[in-house]
N, C-alpha and C. Protein backbone atom coordinates (compact mmCIF):
# COMPACT_ATOMS: atom_id res chain seq x y z
N MET A 1 27.71 39.41 -258.01
CA MET A 1 28.09 38.26 -257.23
C MET A 1 29.62 38.14 -257.21
N LYS A 2 30.13 37.85 -256.06
CA LYS A 2 31.56 37.64 -255.93
C LYS A 2 31.94 36.27 -256.51
N TYR A 3 31.14 35.26 -256.19
CA TYR A 3 31.32 33.92 -256.74
C TYR A 3 29.95 33.41 -257.15
N GLN A 4 29.91 32.69 -258.27
CA GLN A 4 28.64 32.12 -258.72
C GLN A 4 28.92 30.78 -259.40
N TYR A 5 28.12 29.78 -259.04
CA TYR A 5 28.30 28.44 -259.59
C TYR A 5 26.95 27.85 -259.96
N THR A 6 26.93 27.13 -261.06
CA THR A 6 25.76 26.37 -261.46
C THR A 6 26.18 24.91 -261.52
N TYR A 7 25.45 24.06 -260.83
CA TYR A 7 25.86 22.66 -260.74
C TYR A 7 24.68 21.76 -260.40
N ARG A 8 24.93 20.49 -260.54
CA ARG A 8 24.01 19.44 -260.10
C ARG A 8 24.90 18.35 -259.52
N ASN A 9 24.71 18.05 -258.22
CA ASN A 9 25.56 17.05 -257.57
C ASN A 9 25.35 15.67 -258.19
N THR A 10 26.46 14.94 -258.33
CA THR A 10 26.43 13.60 -258.90
C THR A 10 26.31 12.57 -257.77
N ALA A 11 26.01 11.34 -258.16
CA ALA A 11 25.93 10.26 -257.17
C ALA A 11 27.28 10.07 -256.48
N ALA A 12 28.36 10.18 -257.22
CA ALA A 12 29.69 10.00 -256.62
C ALA A 12 29.97 11.08 -255.57
N GLU A 13 29.55 12.30 -255.83
CA GLU A 13 29.77 13.38 -254.85
C GLU A 13 28.93 13.16 -253.60
N LEU A 14 27.69 12.74 -253.76
CA LEU A 14 26.84 12.46 -252.61
C LEU A 14 27.37 11.26 -251.82
N TRP A 15 27.90 10.27 -252.54
CA TRP A 15 28.51 9.11 -251.88
C TRP A 15 29.73 9.54 -251.06
N GLN A 16 30.59 10.37 -251.66
CA GLN A 16 31.76 10.85 -250.93
C GLN A 16 31.35 11.60 -249.67
N LEU A 17 30.34 12.44 -249.77
CA LEU A 17 29.86 13.18 -248.61
C LEU A 17 29.42 12.22 -247.50
N SER A 18 28.64 11.21 -247.86
CA SER A 18 28.17 10.24 -246.87
C SER A 18 29.34 9.49 -246.24
N MET A 19 30.31 9.11 -247.06
CA MET A 19 31.46 8.36 -246.53
C MET A 19 32.31 9.25 -245.62
N TYR A 20 32.49 10.52 -245.96
CA TYR A 20 33.24 11.43 -245.09
C TYR A 20 32.60 11.50 -243.71
N TYR A 21 31.28 11.65 -243.69
CA TYR A 21 30.60 11.82 -242.41
C TYR A 21 30.43 10.51 -241.65
N THR A 22 30.32 9.40 -242.35
CA THR A 22 30.25 8.11 -241.65
C THR A 22 31.59 7.78 -241.01
N TYR A 23 32.65 7.84 -241.80
CA TYR A 23 33.96 7.43 -241.28
C TYR A 23 34.66 8.52 -240.49
N GLY A 24 34.10 9.70 -240.42
CA GLY A 24 34.63 10.76 -239.58
C GLY A 24 33.89 10.86 -238.26
N SER A 25 33.06 9.87 -237.96
CA SER A 25 32.26 9.90 -236.74
C SER A 25 32.60 8.69 -235.86
N LEU A 26 31.93 8.61 -234.73
CA LEU A 26 32.12 7.49 -233.81
C LEU A 26 31.67 6.18 -234.46
N VAL A 27 30.65 6.25 -235.29
CA VAL A 27 30.19 5.06 -236.02
C VAL A 27 31.31 4.52 -236.92
N GLY A 28 31.98 5.41 -237.63
CA GLY A 28 33.08 5.01 -238.49
C GLY A 28 34.22 4.39 -237.70
N LEU A 29 34.52 4.97 -236.54
CA LEU A 29 35.56 4.40 -235.68
C LEU A 29 35.19 2.99 -235.25
N CYS A 30 33.93 2.77 -234.88
CA CYS A 30 33.46 1.42 -234.52
C CYS A 30 33.57 0.47 -235.71
N ASN A 31 33.22 0.94 -236.90
CA ASN A 31 33.34 0.12 -238.11
C ASN A 31 34.79 -0.31 -238.34
N ILE A 32 35.71 0.63 -238.17
CA ILE A 32 37.13 0.33 -238.39
C ILE A 32 37.63 -0.66 -237.34
N ILE A 33 37.29 -0.44 -236.08
CA ILE A 33 37.71 -1.35 -235.01
C ILE A 33 37.16 -2.74 -235.25
N PHE A 34 35.88 -2.84 -235.62
CA PHE A 34 35.26 -4.13 -235.90
C PHE A 34 35.97 -4.84 -237.05
N THR A 35 36.24 -4.12 -238.12
CA THR A 35 36.89 -4.71 -239.29
C THR A 35 38.29 -5.20 -238.96
N VAL A 36 39.06 -4.40 -238.24
CA VAL A 36 40.42 -4.81 -237.86
C VAL A 36 40.36 -6.03 -236.94
N ALA A 37 39.42 -6.04 -235.99
CA ALA A 37 39.28 -7.18 -235.08
C ALA A 37 38.93 -8.46 -235.84
N ILE A 38 38.04 -8.35 -236.80
CA ILE A 38 37.65 -9.52 -237.60
C ILE A 38 38.84 -10.03 -238.41
N ILE A 39 39.60 -9.11 -239.01
CA ILE A 39 40.77 -9.52 -239.81
C ILE A 39 41.80 -10.21 -238.91
N VAL A 40 42.08 -9.63 -237.76
CA VAL A 40 43.06 -10.23 -236.83
C VAL A 40 42.58 -11.60 -236.37
N MET A 41 41.31 -11.70 -235.99
CA MET A 41 40.78 -12.98 -235.55
C MET A 41 40.79 -14.00 -236.68
N GLY A 42 40.39 -13.57 -237.85
CA GLY A 42 40.35 -14.49 -238.99
C GLY A 42 41.72 -15.02 -239.35
N VAL A 43 42.72 -14.14 -239.37
CA VAL A 43 44.08 -14.56 -239.72
C VAL A 43 44.66 -15.47 -238.65
N SER A 44 44.47 -15.10 -237.39
CA SER A 44 45.09 -15.88 -236.30
C SER A 44 44.41 -17.23 -236.07
N ARG A 45 43.14 -17.34 -236.36
CA ARG A 45 42.39 -18.59 -236.08
C ARG A 45 41.96 -19.35 -237.33
N TRP A 46 42.37 -18.90 -238.51
CA TRP A 46 41.90 -19.49 -239.76
C TRP A 46 42.02 -21.01 -239.81
N PRO A 47 43.17 -21.62 -239.45
CA PRO A 47 43.29 -23.08 -239.56
C PRO A 47 42.30 -23.86 -238.70
N GLU A 48 41.91 -23.31 -237.60
CA GLU A 48 41.01 -24.05 -236.69
C GLU A 48 39.53 -23.71 -236.88
N LEU A 49 39.21 -22.82 -237.80
CA LEU A 49 37.81 -22.46 -238.04
C LEU A 49 37.14 -23.45 -238.99
N SER A 50 35.85 -23.70 -238.73
CA SER A 50 35.07 -24.53 -239.65
C SER A 50 34.77 -23.72 -240.90
N ASN A 51 34.28 -24.38 -241.93
CA ASN A 51 33.95 -23.67 -243.18
C ASN A 51 32.87 -22.62 -242.97
N LEU A 52 31.90 -22.91 -242.12
CA LEU A 52 30.84 -21.94 -241.82
C LEU A 52 31.44 -20.69 -241.16
N MET A 53 32.31 -20.88 -240.20
CA MET A 53 32.93 -19.76 -239.51
C MET A 53 33.85 -18.97 -240.45
N ARG A 54 34.54 -19.67 -241.35
CA ARG A 54 35.38 -18.98 -242.33
C ARG A 54 34.52 -18.07 -243.21
N GLY A 55 33.39 -18.59 -243.63
CA GLY A 55 32.47 -17.80 -244.44
C GLY A 55 31.96 -16.58 -243.68
N LEU A 56 31.63 -16.75 -242.40
CA LEU A 56 31.16 -15.62 -241.59
C LEU A 56 32.27 -14.59 -241.38
N VAL A 57 33.51 -15.06 -241.17
CA VAL A 57 34.63 -14.13 -241.02
C VAL A 57 34.81 -13.33 -242.31
N LEU A 58 34.75 -13.99 -243.46
CA LEU A 58 34.87 -13.29 -244.74
C LEU A 58 33.74 -12.28 -244.92
N LEU A 59 32.53 -12.69 -244.62
CA LEU A 59 31.37 -11.80 -244.75
C LEU A 59 31.52 -10.58 -243.84
N CYS A 60 31.92 -10.82 -242.60
CA CYS A 60 32.11 -9.71 -241.66
C CYS A 60 33.25 -8.80 -242.10
N GLY A 61 34.29 -9.37 -242.66
CA GLY A 61 35.40 -8.56 -243.15
C GLY A 61 35.00 -7.68 -244.32
N LEU A 62 34.04 -8.14 -245.11
CA LEU A 62 33.57 -7.38 -246.27
C LEU A 62 32.45 -6.39 -245.93
N LEU A 63 31.87 -6.55 -244.75
CA LEU A 63 30.70 -5.76 -244.39
C LEU A 63 30.93 -4.25 -244.50
N PHE A 64 31.97 -3.74 -243.84
CA PHE A 64 32.20 -2.30 -243.84
C PHE A 64 33.21 -1.85 -244.89
N THR A 65 33.87 -2.79 -245.54
CA THR A 65 34.85 -2.42 -246.56
C THR A 65 34.28 -2.46 -247.97
N VAL A 66 33.26 -3.30 -248.19
CA VAL A 66 32.69 -3.43 -249.54
C VAL A 66 31.17 -3.26 -249.52
N ILE A 67 30.50 -4.01 -248.67
CA ILE A 67 29.03 -4.04 -248.70
C ILE A 67 28.43 -2.68 -248.33
N GLN A 68 28.87 -2.09 -247.22
CA GLN A 68 28.31 -0.80 -246.82
C GLN A 68 28.58 0.30 -247.86
N PRO A 69 29.82 0.45 -248.37
CA PRO A 69 30.02 1.49 -249.39
C PRO A 69 29.16 1.29 -250.64
N ILE A 70 28.93 0.05 -251.04
CA ILE A 70 28.06 -0.20 -252.20
C ILE A 70 26.62 0.21 -251.87
N ALA A 71 26.15 -0.12 -250.68
CA ALA A 71 24.79 0.25 -250.28
C ALA A 71 24.64 1.78 -250.21
N VAL A 72 25.65 2.45 -249.69
CA VAL A 72 25.61 3.91 -249.60
C VAL A 72 25.63 4.51 -251.01
N TYR A 73 26.40 3.93 -251.92
CA TYR A 73 26.44 4.44 -253.30
C TYR A 73 25.08 4.27 -253.98
N ARG A 74 24.43 3.14 -253.75
CA ARG A 74 23.09 2.95 -254.36
C ARG A 74 22.10 3.99 -253.84
N LYS A 75 22.19 4.30 -252.55
CA LYS A 75 21.33 5.34 -251.98
C LYS A 75 21.66 6.69 -252.61
N ALA A 76 22.94 6.97 -252.81
CA ALA A 76 23.37 8.23 -253.43
C ALA A 76 22.87 8.32 -254.87
N GLN A 77 22.85 7.19 -255.59
CA GLN A 77 22.32 7.18 -256.95
C GLN A 77 20.85 7.59 -256.96
N LYS A 78 20.07 7.08 -256.00
CA LYS A 78 18.66 7.43 -255.92
C LYS A 78 18.49 8.91 -255.58
N GLN A 79 19.33 9.42 -254.67
CA GLN A 79 19.27 10.84 -254.32
C GLN A 79 19.61 11.70 -255.54
N ALA A 80 20.66 11.33 -256.25
CA ALA A 80 21.07 12.11 -257.42
C ALA A 80 20.01 12.07 -258.51
N ALA A 81 19.35 10.94 -258.67
CA ALA A 81 18.29 10.84 -259.67
C ALA A 81 17.11 11.75 -259.30
N GLY A 82 16.93 12.02 -258.02
CA GLY A 82 15.85 12.89 -257.56
C GLY A 82 16.13 14.37 -257.77
N ILE A 83 17.36 14.71 -258.10
CA ILE A 83 17.72 16.11 -258.36
C ILE A 83 17.40 16.39 -259.83
N THR A 84 16.34 17.14 -260.06
CA THR A 84 15.85 17.31 -261.43
C THR A 84 16.25 18.64 -262.07
N ALA A 85 16.80 19.55 -261.28
CA ALA A 85 17.18 20.86 -261.83
C ALA A 85 18.55 21.26 -261.31
N ASP A 86 19.25 22.03 -262.12
CA ASP A 86 20.53 22.56 -261.68
C ASP A 86 20.31 23.55 -260.55
N THR A 87 21.30 23.64 -259.69
CA THR A 87 21.30 24.63 -258.62
C THR A 87 22.26 25.74 -259.02
N ARG A 88 21.79 26.97 -258.93
CA ARG A 88 22.67 28.11 -259.17
C ARG A 88 22.80 28.84 -257.85
N VAL A 89 24.02 28.95 -257.38
CA VAL A 89 24.25 29.60 -256.10
C VAL A 89 25.30 30.68 -256.27
N GLY A 90 24.97 31.85 -255.74
CA GLY A 90 25.88 32.99 -255.80
C GLY A 90 26.24 33.42 -254.39
N PHE A 91 27.43 33.94 -254.24
CA PHE A 91 27.93 34.37 -252.94
C PHE A 91 28.39 35.81 -253.06
N ASP A 92 27.88 36.66 -252.16
CA ASP A 92 28.36 38.03 -252.09
C ASP A 92 28.28 38.48 -250.63
N ASP A 93 28.48 39.76 -250.39
CA ASP A 93 28.51 40.26 -249.02
C ASP A 93 27.16 40.10 -248.30
N ALA A 94 26.07 40.00 -249.03
CA ALA A 94 24.75 39.85 -248.43
C ALA A 94 24.48 38.41 -247.99
N GLY A 95 25.15 37.45 -248.60
CA GLY A 95 24.94 36.05 -248.25
C GLY A 95 24.93 35.16 -249.47
N LEU A 96 24.17 34.08 -249.36
CA LEU A 96 24.04 33.10 -250.44
C LEU A 96 22.74 33.37 -251.18
N HIS A 97 22.81 33.39 -252.50
CA HIS A 97 21.64 33.56 -253.35
C HIS A 97 21.47 32.23 -254.09
N VAL A 98 20.38 31.54 -253.79
CA VAL A 98 20.19 30.19 -254.30
C VAL A 98 19.00 30.17 -255.23
N MET A 99 19.20 29.60 -256.42
CA MET A 99 18.14 29.45 -257.39
C MET A 99 18.11 28.01 -257.88
N THR A 100 16.97 27.35 -257.70
CA THR A 100 16.78 25.99 -258.20
C THR A 100 15.46 25.97 -258.95
N GLY A 101 15.53 25.66 -260.23
CA GLY A 101 14.32 25.68 -261.04
C GLY A 101 13.72 27.08 -261.02
N ASP A 102 12.45 27.20 -260.60
CA ASP A 102 11.80 28.51 -260.53
C ASP A 102 11.77 29.06 -259.11
N LYS A 103 12.49 28.44 -258.18
CA LYS A 103 12.52 28.90 -256.79
C LYS A 103 13.84 29.61 -256.52
N ASP A 104 13.74 30.68 -255.74
CA ASP A 104 14.98 31.35 -255.34
C ASP A 104 14.85 31.80 -253.89
N ALA A 105 16.02 31.91 -253.24
CA ALA A 105 16.06 32.30 -251.84
C ALA A 105 17.40 32.96 -251.56
N VAL A 106 17.40 33.75 -250.49
CA VAL A 106 18.63 34.37 -250.02
C VAL A 106 18.86 33.89 -248.59
N LEU A 107 20.07 33.44 -248.34
CA LEU A 107 20.46 32.98 -247.01
C LEU A 107 21.56 33.91 -246.52
N ALA A 108 21.25 34.68 -245.48
CA ALA A 108 22.22 35.62 -244.93
C ALA A 108 23.37 34.85 -244.28
N TRP A 109 24.54 35.46 -244.26
CA TRP A 109 25.71 34.81 -243.67
C TRP A 109 25.47 34.47 -242.21
N SER A 110 24.68 35.25 -241.52
CA SER A 110 24.40 34.98 -240.10
C SER A 110 23.60 33.70 -239.91
N LYS A 111 22.93 33.23 -240.96
CA LYS A 111 22.14 32.01 -240.89
C LYS A 111 22.94 30.76 -241.24
N VAL A 112 24.15 30.94 -241.75
CA VAL A 112 25.01 29.79 -242.08
C VAL A 112 25.53 29.21 -240.77
N LYS A 113 25.28 27.93 -240.55
CA LYS A 113 25.65 27.29 -239.28
C LYS A 113 27.09 26.83 -239.24
N LYS A 114 27.60 26.35 -240.38
CA LYS A 114 28.93 25.75 -240.37
C LYS A 114 29.45 25.63 -241.79
N ILE A 115 30.77 25.66 -241.91
CA ILE A 115 31.42 25.37 -243.18
C ILE A 115 32.36 24.21 -242.94
N SER A 116 32.30 23.22 -243.80
CA SER A 116 33.15 22.04 -243.66
C SER A 116 33.99 21.88 -244.92
N LYS A 117 35.30 21.87 -244.74
CA LYS A 117 36.22 21.71 -245.86
C LYS A 117 36.73 20.28 -245.87
N LYS A 118 36.40 19.55 -246.90
CA LYS A 118 36.84 18.17 -247.09
C LYS A 118 37.82 18.15 -248.25
N PRO A 119 38.58 17.07 -248.42
CA PRO A 119 39.56 17.02 -249.51
C PRO A 119 38.97 17.22 -250.91
N THR A 120 37.74 16.78 -251.13
CA THR A 120 37.17 16.87 -252.47
C THR A 120 35.96 17.80 -252.56
N MET A 121 35.64 18.50 -251.47
CA MET A 121 34.45 19.35 -251.49
C MET A 121 34.45 20.33 -250.33
N ILE A 122 33.61 21.33 -250.47
CA ILE A 122 33.32 22.27 -249.38
C ILE A 122 31.81 22.20 -249.17
N VAL A 123 31.40 22.03 -247.91
CA VAL A 123 29.98 21.94 -247.57
C VAL A 123 29.62 23.14 -246.72
N ILE A 124 28.57 23.85 -247.14
CA ILE A 124 28.08 25.02 -246.42
C ILE A 124 26.73 24.63 -245.82
N PHE A 125 26.66 24.55 -244.48
CA PHE A 125 25.46 24.10 -243.80
C PHE A 125 24.52 25.26 -243.48
N SER A 126 23.27 25.10 -243.90
CA SER A 126 22.25 26.09 -243.57
C SER A 126 21.56 25.74 -242.25
N ASP A 127 21.63 24.48 -241.86
CA ASP A 127 21.21 24.02 -240.53
C ASP A 127 22.03 22.77 -240.24
N THR A 128 21.66 22.03 -239.21
CA THR A 128 22.50 20.90 -238.80
C THR A 128 22.49 19.74 -239.79
N THR A 129 21.50 19.66 -240.66
CA THR A 129 21.43 18.53 -241.59
C THR A 129 21.34 18.91 -243.06
N HIS A 130 21.17 20.17 -243.39
CA HIS A 130 21.03 20.59 -244.78
C HIS A 130 22.13 21.58 -245.16
N GLY A 131 22.52 21.50 -246.42
CA GLY A 131 23.55 22.42 -246.86
C GLY A 131 23.78 22.33 -248.35
N PHE A 132 24.83 23.00 -248.77
CA PHE A 132 25.20 23.05 -250.17
C PHE A 132 26.55 22.37 -250.32
N VAL A 133 26.61 21.39 -251.21
CA VAL A 133 27.83 20.64 -251.47
C VAL A 133 28.45 21.19 -252.75
N LEU A 134 29.61 21.80 -252.60
CA LEU A 134 30.34 22.33 -253.75
C LEU A 134 31.62 21.51 -253.90
N SER A 135 31.62 20.66 -254.91
CA SER A 135 32.77 19.78 -255.11
C SER A 135 33.90 20.51 -255.80
N ASN A 136 35.07 19.91 -255.80
CA ASN A 136 36.22 20.48 -256.51
C ASN A 136 35.92 20.61 -258.00
N ARG A 137 35.08 19.72 -258.52
CA ARG A 137 34.69 19.79 -259.93
C ARG A 137 33.97 21.11 -260.21
N VAL A 138 33.14 21.55 -259.28
CA VAL A 138 32.38 22.79 -259.44
C VAL A 138 33.27 24.00 -259.15
N LEU A 139 34.06 23.94 -258.10
CA LEU A 139 34.87 25.08 -257.68
C LEU A 139 36.07 25.34 -258.58
N GLY A 140 36.65 24.29 -259.11
CA GLY A 140 37.81 24.44 -259.99
C GLY A 140 38.97 25.13 -259.29
N SER A 141 39.60 26.05 -259.98
CA SER A 141 40.77 26.74 -259.44
C SER A 141 40.41 27.79 -258.40
N ASP A 142 39.12 28.09 -258.23
CA ASP A 142 38.66 29.07 -257.23
C ASP A 142 38.61 28.51 -255.81
N ARG A 143 38.86 27.23 -255.63
CA ARG A 143 38.62 26.57 -254.34
C ARG A 143 39.26 27.31 -253.16
N ALA A 144 40.54 27.57 -253.20
CA ALA A 144 41.23 28.19 -252.06
C ALA A 144 40.71 29.60 -251.80
N ALA A 145 40.58 30.39 -252.84
CA ALA A 145 40.08 31.77 -252.67
C ALA A 145 38.63 31.76 -252.19
N PHE A 146 37.84 30.86 -252.73
CA PHE A 146 36.43 30.76 -252.33
C PHE A 146 36.32 30.39 -250.86
N TYR A 147 37.10 29.40 -250.43
CA TYR A 147 37.05 28.99 -249.02
C TYR A 147 37.47 30.13 -248.10
N SER A 148 38.51 30.84 -248.46
CA SER A 148 38.96 31.99 -247.65
C SER A 148 37.85 33.04 -247.55
N TYR A 149 37.17 33.27 -248.67
CA TYR A 149 36.09 34.26 -248.69
C TYR A 149 34.94 33.85 -247.78
N ILE A 150 34.44 32.64 -247.93
CA ILE A 150 33.29 32.24 -247.10
C ILE A 150 33.69 32.08 -245.64
N ALA A 151 34.91 31.66 -245.36
CA ALA A 151 35.36 31.55 -243.98
C ALA A 151 35.42 32.92 -243.31
N SER A 152 35.76 33.94 -244.10
CA SER A 152 35.79 35.31 -243.54
C SER A 152 34.38 35.82 -243.25
N LYS A 153 33.40 35.31 -243.98
CA LYS A 153 32.01 35.75 -243.79
C LYS A 153 31.31 35.03 -242.64
N VAL A 154 31.72 33.79 -242.37
CA VAL A 154 31.11 33.00 -241.31
C VAL A 154 32.11 32.95 -240.16
N LYS A 155 31.95 33.87 -239.24
CA LYS A 155 32.87 33.96 -238.10
C LYS A 155 32.24 33.29 -236.90
N ARG A 156 32.81 32.20 -236.48
CA ARG A 156 32.27 31.46 -235.32
C ARG A 156 33.34 31.36 -234.25
């Protein structure tokens, strides 16, 4: 194997992945626009708002900045708790060799749909919704060399 890692994704890593994809999409843009609009409206109209409206403005301001991230983290905790075995994944010229518990599989490089490089992780997609999340914690000092290697194998 050219590269081999054994890991189990944590709730924080799954949360980061969800937040990257939420706020990197049109939904995230709408969330940001809504939050900024609520803050601007709340600040500019605060003196003339009733107590009920002030409470609603505060709630709406917290919706995408505090409430949603907490809800996403709780979901990530449940997902992480469902991961019962370490994943061992190896990378060589033939593709990805994946072993989880007593199951193993080989995924040829031609079957890899996409590679996504995020600030704290690299995600290798086997289809449009499934993939392997390799965080900086797992990759360590190999991150740059590893990314260059897999990028050379997945030519799109």
